Amino acid sequence: MVQVGILIKQKRLKMKDKKDNFWIVAERESTIIKLIEDLYWDYDRMSESGKETLDKIMNLIAPENTKVIYWEGKEPPTLEEAQKIVGGNIELVSNHYHKIKDADIIVNEEGLITGLDLNVSAFKICKIPLMGNVLVLKGKQRLK
């Protein structure tokens, strides 16, 4: 599986100057990333070695354009501050889906619909795939 990422990168470099072929490779790469993202929906049912392998593949192929941001203020962020961090309307992730006690997790409400990148780092604290930047509020920072 590690070779898949290497082959994709090699093909991309070989075809860099050939615009028509570049778009074919980009489309294949995008399809591979979406298929891997789909596997994350079954992550909690995978063996430990399966989880490790999937994480390694995703880290090789998927761009890490997303962040998990832990709010540093003493009070919860304003609506505007939270929207700026997640890049749009906010949605609160149910406590049932994450592993952090006494915390709220906020995401972009339309992250999946608008095609934001999978947040690989956030998946380590949640049981579901989250797209785009993720905001974590702990303790007194939680929404009221």
C-alpha atoms as a PDB file:
ATOM      1  CA  MET A   1       0.000   0.000   0.000  1.00  0.00           C
ATOM      2  CA  VAL A   2       2.873   2.376   0.681  1.00  0.00           C
ATOM      3  CA  GLN A   3       3.874   1.878  -2.951  1.00  0.00           C
ATOM      4  CA  VAL A   4       0.508   3.257  -4.116  1.00  0.00           C
ATOM      5  CA  GLY A   5       1.340   6.724  -2.748  1.00  0.00           C
ATOM      6  CA  ILE A   6       4.831   6.582  -4.227  1.00  0.00           C
ATOM      7  CA  LEU A   7       3.488   5.531  -7.640  1.00  0.00           C
ATOM      8  CA  ILE A   8       0.908   8.314  -7.615  1.00  0.00           C
ATOM      9  CA  LYS A   9       3.580  10.882  -6.771  1.00  0.00           C
ATOM     10  CA  GLN A  10       5.905   9.489  -9.469  1.00  0.00           C
ATOM     11  CA  LYS A  11       3.157   9.592 -12.095  1.00  0.00           C
ATOM     12  CA  ARG A  12       2.297  13.136 -11.072  1.00  0.00           C
ATOM     13  CA  LEU A  13       5.922  14.224 -11.527  1.00  0.00           C
ATOM     14  CA  LYS A  14       6.277  12.455 -14.912  1.00  0.00           C
ATOM     15  CA  MET A  15       3.129  14.046 -16.260  1.00  0.00           C
ATOM     16  CA  LYS A  16       3.644  17.495 -14.799  1.00  0.00           C
ATOM     17  CA  ASP A  17       4.154  19.135 -18.202  1.00  0.00           C
ATOM     18  CA  LYS A  18       1.408  17.160 -19.941  1.00  0.00           C
ATOM     19  CA  LYS A  19      -1.694  19.030 -18.837  1.00  0.00           C
ATOM     20  CA  ASP A  20      -4.242  16.510 -20.174  1.00  0.00           C
ATOM     21  CA  ASN A  21      -2.560  13.580 -18.435  1.00  0.00           C
ATOM     22  CA  PHE A  22      -2.018  15.597 -15.258  1.00  0.00           C
ATOM     23  CA  TRP A  23      -5.758  16.066 -14.832  1.00  0.00           C
ATOM     24  CA  ILE A  24      -6.334  12.313 -15.295  1.00  0.00           C
ATOM     25  CA  VAL A  25      -3.829  11.561 -12.530  1.00  0.00           C
ATOM     26  CA  ALA A  26      -5.312  14.265 -10.288  1.00  0.00           C
ATOM     27  CA  GLU A  27      -8.772  12.755 -10.764  1.00  0.00           C
ATOM     28  CA  ARG A  28      -7.486   9.250  -9.911  1.00  0.00           C
ATOM     29  CA  GLU A  29      -5.713  10.589  -6.841  1.00  0.00           C
ATOM     30  CA  SER A  30      -8.880  12.355  -5.716  1.00  0.00           C
ATOM     31  CA  THR A  31     -10.882   9.135  -6.173  1.00  0.00           C
ATOM     32  CA  ILE A  32      -8.351   7.155  -4.113  1.00  0.00           C
ATOM     33  CA  ILE A  33      -8.516   9.709  -1.291  1.00  0.00           C
ATOM     34  CA  LYS A  34     -12.331   9.594  -1.275  1.00  0.00           C
ATOM     35  CA  LEU A  35     -12.296   5.771  -1.124  1.00  0.00           C
ATOM     36  CA  ILE A  36      -9.871   5.875   1.802  1.00  0.00           C
ATOM     37  CA  GLU A  37     -12.052   8.479   3.529  1.00  0.00           C
ATOM     38  CA  ASP A  38     -14.994   6.070   3.144  1.00  0.00           C
ATOM     39  CA  LEU A  39     -13.016   3.398   4.993  1.00  0.00           C
ATOM     40  CA  TYR A  40     -12.832   5.702   8.031  1.00  0.00           C
ATOM     41  CA  TRP A  41     -16.570   5.216   8.569  1.00  0.00           C
ATOM     42  CA  ASP A  42     -15.762   1.616   9.607  1.00  0.00           C
ATOM     43  CA  TYR A  43     -12.679   2.563  11.604  1.00  0.00           C
ATOM     44  CA  ASP A  44     -14.018   1.505  15.004  1.00  0.00           C
ATOM     45  CA  ARG A  45     -14.728  -2.002  13.651  1.00  0.00           C
ATOM     46  CA  MET A  46     -11.202  -2.484  12.260  1.00  0.00           C
ATOM     47  CA  SER A  47      -8.397  -4.414  13.906  1.00  0.00           C
ATOM     48  CA  GLU A  48      -5.554  -2.382  15.418  1.00  0.00           C
ATOM     49  CA  SER A  49      -3.251  -3.312  12.529  1.00  0.00           C
ATOM     50  CA  GLY A  50      -5.971  -2.293  10.060  1.00  0.00           C
ATOM     51  CA  LYS A  51      -6.302   1.084  11.777  1.00  0.00           C
ATOM     52  CA  GLU A  52      -2.528   1.597  11.708  1.00  0.00           C
ATOM     53  CA  THR A  53      -2.341   0.716   8.025  1.00  0.00           C
ATOM     54  CA  LEU A  54      -5.231   3.012   7.099  1.00  0.00           C
ATOM     55  CA  ASP A  55      -3.654   5.888   9.041  1.00  0.00           C
ATOM     56  CA  LYS A  56      -0.319   5.352   7.286  1.00  0.00           C
ATOM     57  CA  ILE A  57      -1.951   5.277   3.850  1.00  0.00           C
ATOM     58  CA  MET A  58      -3.959   8.423   4.553  1.00  0.00           C
ATOM     59  CA  ASN A  59      -0.905  10.270   5.848  1.00  0.00           C
ATOM     60  CA  LEU A  60       0.978   9.390   2.653  1.00  0.00           C
ATOM     61  CA  ILE A  61      -1.750  10.357   0.230  1.00  0.00           C
ATOM     62  CA  ALA A  62      -4.078  12.904   1.813  1.00  0.00           C
ATOM     63  CA  PRO A  63      -3.113  16.518   2.241  1.00  0.00           C
ATOM     64  CA  GLU A  64      -2.922  17.709   5.845  1.00  0.00           C
ATOM     65  CA  ASN A  65      -4.568  21.064   5.197  1.00  0.00           C
ATOM     66  CA  THR A  66      -6.670  20.862   8.334  1.00  0.00           C
ATOM     67  CA  LYS A  67      -6.038  21.482  12.020  1.00  0.00           C
ATOM     68  CA  VAL A  68      -7.404  20.640  15.443  1.00  0.00           C
ATOM     69  CA  ILE A  69      -7.476  23.926  17.346  1.00  0.00           C
ATOM     70  CA  TYR A  70      -7.781  23.954  21.136  1.00  0.00           C
ATOM     71  CA  TRP A  71      -9.405  27.221  22.238  1.00  0.00           C
ATOM     72  CA  GLU A  72      -7.121  29.150  24.589  1.00  0.00           C
ATOM     73  CA  GLY A  73      -9.554  31.767  25.855  1.00  0.00           C
ATOM     74  CA  LYS A  74     -11.082  31.719  29.340  1.00  0.00           C
ATOM     75  CA  GLU A  75     -14.591  32.129  27.908  1.00  0.00           C
ATOM     76  CA  PRO A  76     -16.222  30.344  24.964  1.00  0.00           C
ATOM     77  CA  PRO A  77     -15.515  31.918  21.561  1.00  0.00           C
ATOM     78  CA  THR A  78     -18.104  34.190  20.005  1.00  0.00           C
ATOM     79  CA  LEU A  79     -20.127  32.836  17.111  1.00  0.00           C
ATOM     80  CA  GLU A  80     -18.010  34.884  14.706  1.00  0.00           C
ATOM     81  CA  GLU A  81     -14.735  33.588  16.175  1.00  0.00           C
ATOM     82  CA  ALA A  82     -15.881  29.965  15.930  1.00  0.00           C
ATOM     83  CA  GLN A  83     -17.127  30.490  12.358  1.00  0.00           C
ATOM     84  CA  LYS A  84     -13.811  32.026  11.341  1.00  0.00           C
ATOM     85  CA  ILE A  85     -11.859  29.034  12.734  1.00  0.00           C
ATOM     86  CA  VAL A  86     -13.992  26.360  11.046  1.00  0.00           C
ATOM     87  CA  GLY A  87     -14.568  28.387   7.896  1.00  0.00           C
ATOM     88  CA  GLY A  88     -18.355  28.608   7.892  1.00  0.00           C
ATOM     89  CA  ASN A  89     -21.490  27.831   9.840  1.00  0.00           C
ATOM     90  CA  ILE A  90     -20.769  25.830  12.978  1.00  0.00           C
ATOM     91  CA  GLU A  91     -22.083  22.480  14.149  1.00  0.00           C
ATOM     92  CA  LEU A  92     -21.548  20.885  17.538  1.00  0.00           C
ATOM     93  CA  VAL A  93     -20.383  17.251  17.417  1.00  0.00           C
ATOM     94  CA  SER A  94     -22.379  15.053  19.789  1.00  0.00           C
ATOM     95  CA  ASN A  95     -20.474  13.940  22.909  1.00  0.00           C
ATOM     96  CA  HIS A  96     -21.336  10.392  21.883  1.00  0.00           C
ATOM     97  CA  TYR A  97     -18.831  10.633  19.008  1.00  0.00           C
ATOM     98  CA  HIS A  98     -15.700  11.946  20.709  1.00  0.00           C
ATOM     99  CA  LYS A  99     -13.275  10.724  23.336  1.00  0.00           C
ATOM    100  CA  ILE A 100     -12.617  13.963  25.255  1.00  0.00           C
ATOM    101  CA  LYS A 101     -14.451  14.314  28.570  1.00  0.00           C
ATOM    102  CA  ASP A 102     -15.918  17.700  29.472  1.00  0.00           C
ATOM    103  CA  ALA A 103     -15.379  19.115  25.985  1.00  0.00           C
ATOM    104  CA  ASP A 104     -17.305  20.473  23.004  1.00  0.00           C
ATOM    105  CA  ILE A 105     -16.102  19.899  19.459  1.00  0.00           C
ATOM    106  CA  ILE A 106     -17.165  22.334  16.766  1.00  0.00           C
ATOM    107  CA  VAL A 107     -16.909  21.726  13.020  1.00  0.00           C
ATOM    108  CA  ASN A 108     -18.024  23.348   9.781  1.00  0.00           C
ATOM    109  CA  GLU A 109     -21.675  22.402   9.356  1.00  0.00           C
ATOM    110  CA  GLU A 110     -21.284  21.869   5.597  1.00  0.00           C
ATOM    111  CA  GLY A 111     -17.753  20.432   5.599  1.00  0.00           C
ATOM    112  CA  LEU A 112     -18.773  17.134   4.044  1.00  0.00           C
ATOM    113  CA  ILE A 113     -21.138  18.708   1.512  1.00  0.00           C
ATOM    114  CA  THR A 114     -18.637  21.337   0.347  1.00  0.00           C
ATOM    115  CA  GLY A 115     -15.801  18.820   0.036  1.00  0.00           C
ATOM    116  CA  LEU A 116     -13.454  20.000   2.779  1.00  0.00           C
ATOM    117  CA  ASP A 117     -10.467  17.721   3.393  1.00  0.00           C
ATOM    118  CA  LEU A 118     -10.682  14.962   5.961  1.00  0.00           C
ATOM    119  CA  ASN A 119      -9.111  16.048   9.236  1.00  0.00           C
ATOM    120  CA  VAL A 120      -6.849  13.071   9.966  1.00  0.00           C
ATOM    121  CA  SER A 121      -5.707  14.539  13.310  1.00  0.00           C
ATOM    122  CA  ALA A 122      -9.298  14.996  14.490  1.00  0.00           C
ATOM    123  CA  PHE A 123     -10.086  11.394  13.698  1.00  0.00           C
ATOM    124  CA  LYS A 124      -7.788  10.355  16.518  1.00  0.00           C
ATOM    125  CA  ILE A 125     -10.118  12.061  19.044  1.00  0.00           C
ATOM    126  CA  CYS A 126     -13.445  11.297  17.344  1.00  0.00           C
ATOM    127  CA  LYS A 127     -15.179   8.120  16.290  1.00  0.00           C
ATOM    128  CA  ILE A 128     -16.358   9.663  13.030  1.00  0.00           C
ATOM    129  CA  PRO A 129     -14.551  11.395  10.161  1.00  0.00           C
ATOM    130  CA  LEU A 130     -14.575  15.186  10.461  1.00  0.00           C
ATOM    131  CA  MET A 131     -13.896  17.522   7.576  1.00  0.00           C
ATOM    132  CA  GLY A 132     -11.990  20.802   7.725  1.00  0.00           C
ATOM    133  CA  ASN A 133     -10.695  22.586  10.810  1.00  0.00           C
ATOM    134  CA  VAL A 134     -11.989  21.417  14.190  1.00  0.00           C
ATOM    135  CA  LEU A 135     -12.355  23.602  17.281  1.00  0.00           C
ATOM    136  CA  VAL A 136     -12.136  21.994  20.744  1.00  0.00           C
ATOM    137  CA  LEU A 137     -13.533  23.763  23.824  1.00  0.00           C
ATOM    138  CA  LYS A 138     -12.726  22.343  27.265  1.00  0.00           C
ATOM    139  CA  GLY A 139     -14.108  23.021  30.746  1.00  0.00           C
ATOM    140  CA  LYS A 140     -15.317  26.613  31.213  1.00  0.00           C
ATOM    141  CA  GLN A 141     -14.741  27.302  27.513  1.00  0.00           C
ATOM    142  CA  ARG A 142     -17.657  25.001  26.592  1.00  0.00           C
ATOM    143  CA  LEU A 143     -20.766  26.433  25.019  1.00  0.00           C
ATOM    144  CA  LYS A 144     -23.624  27.259  27.361  1.00  0.00           C
END
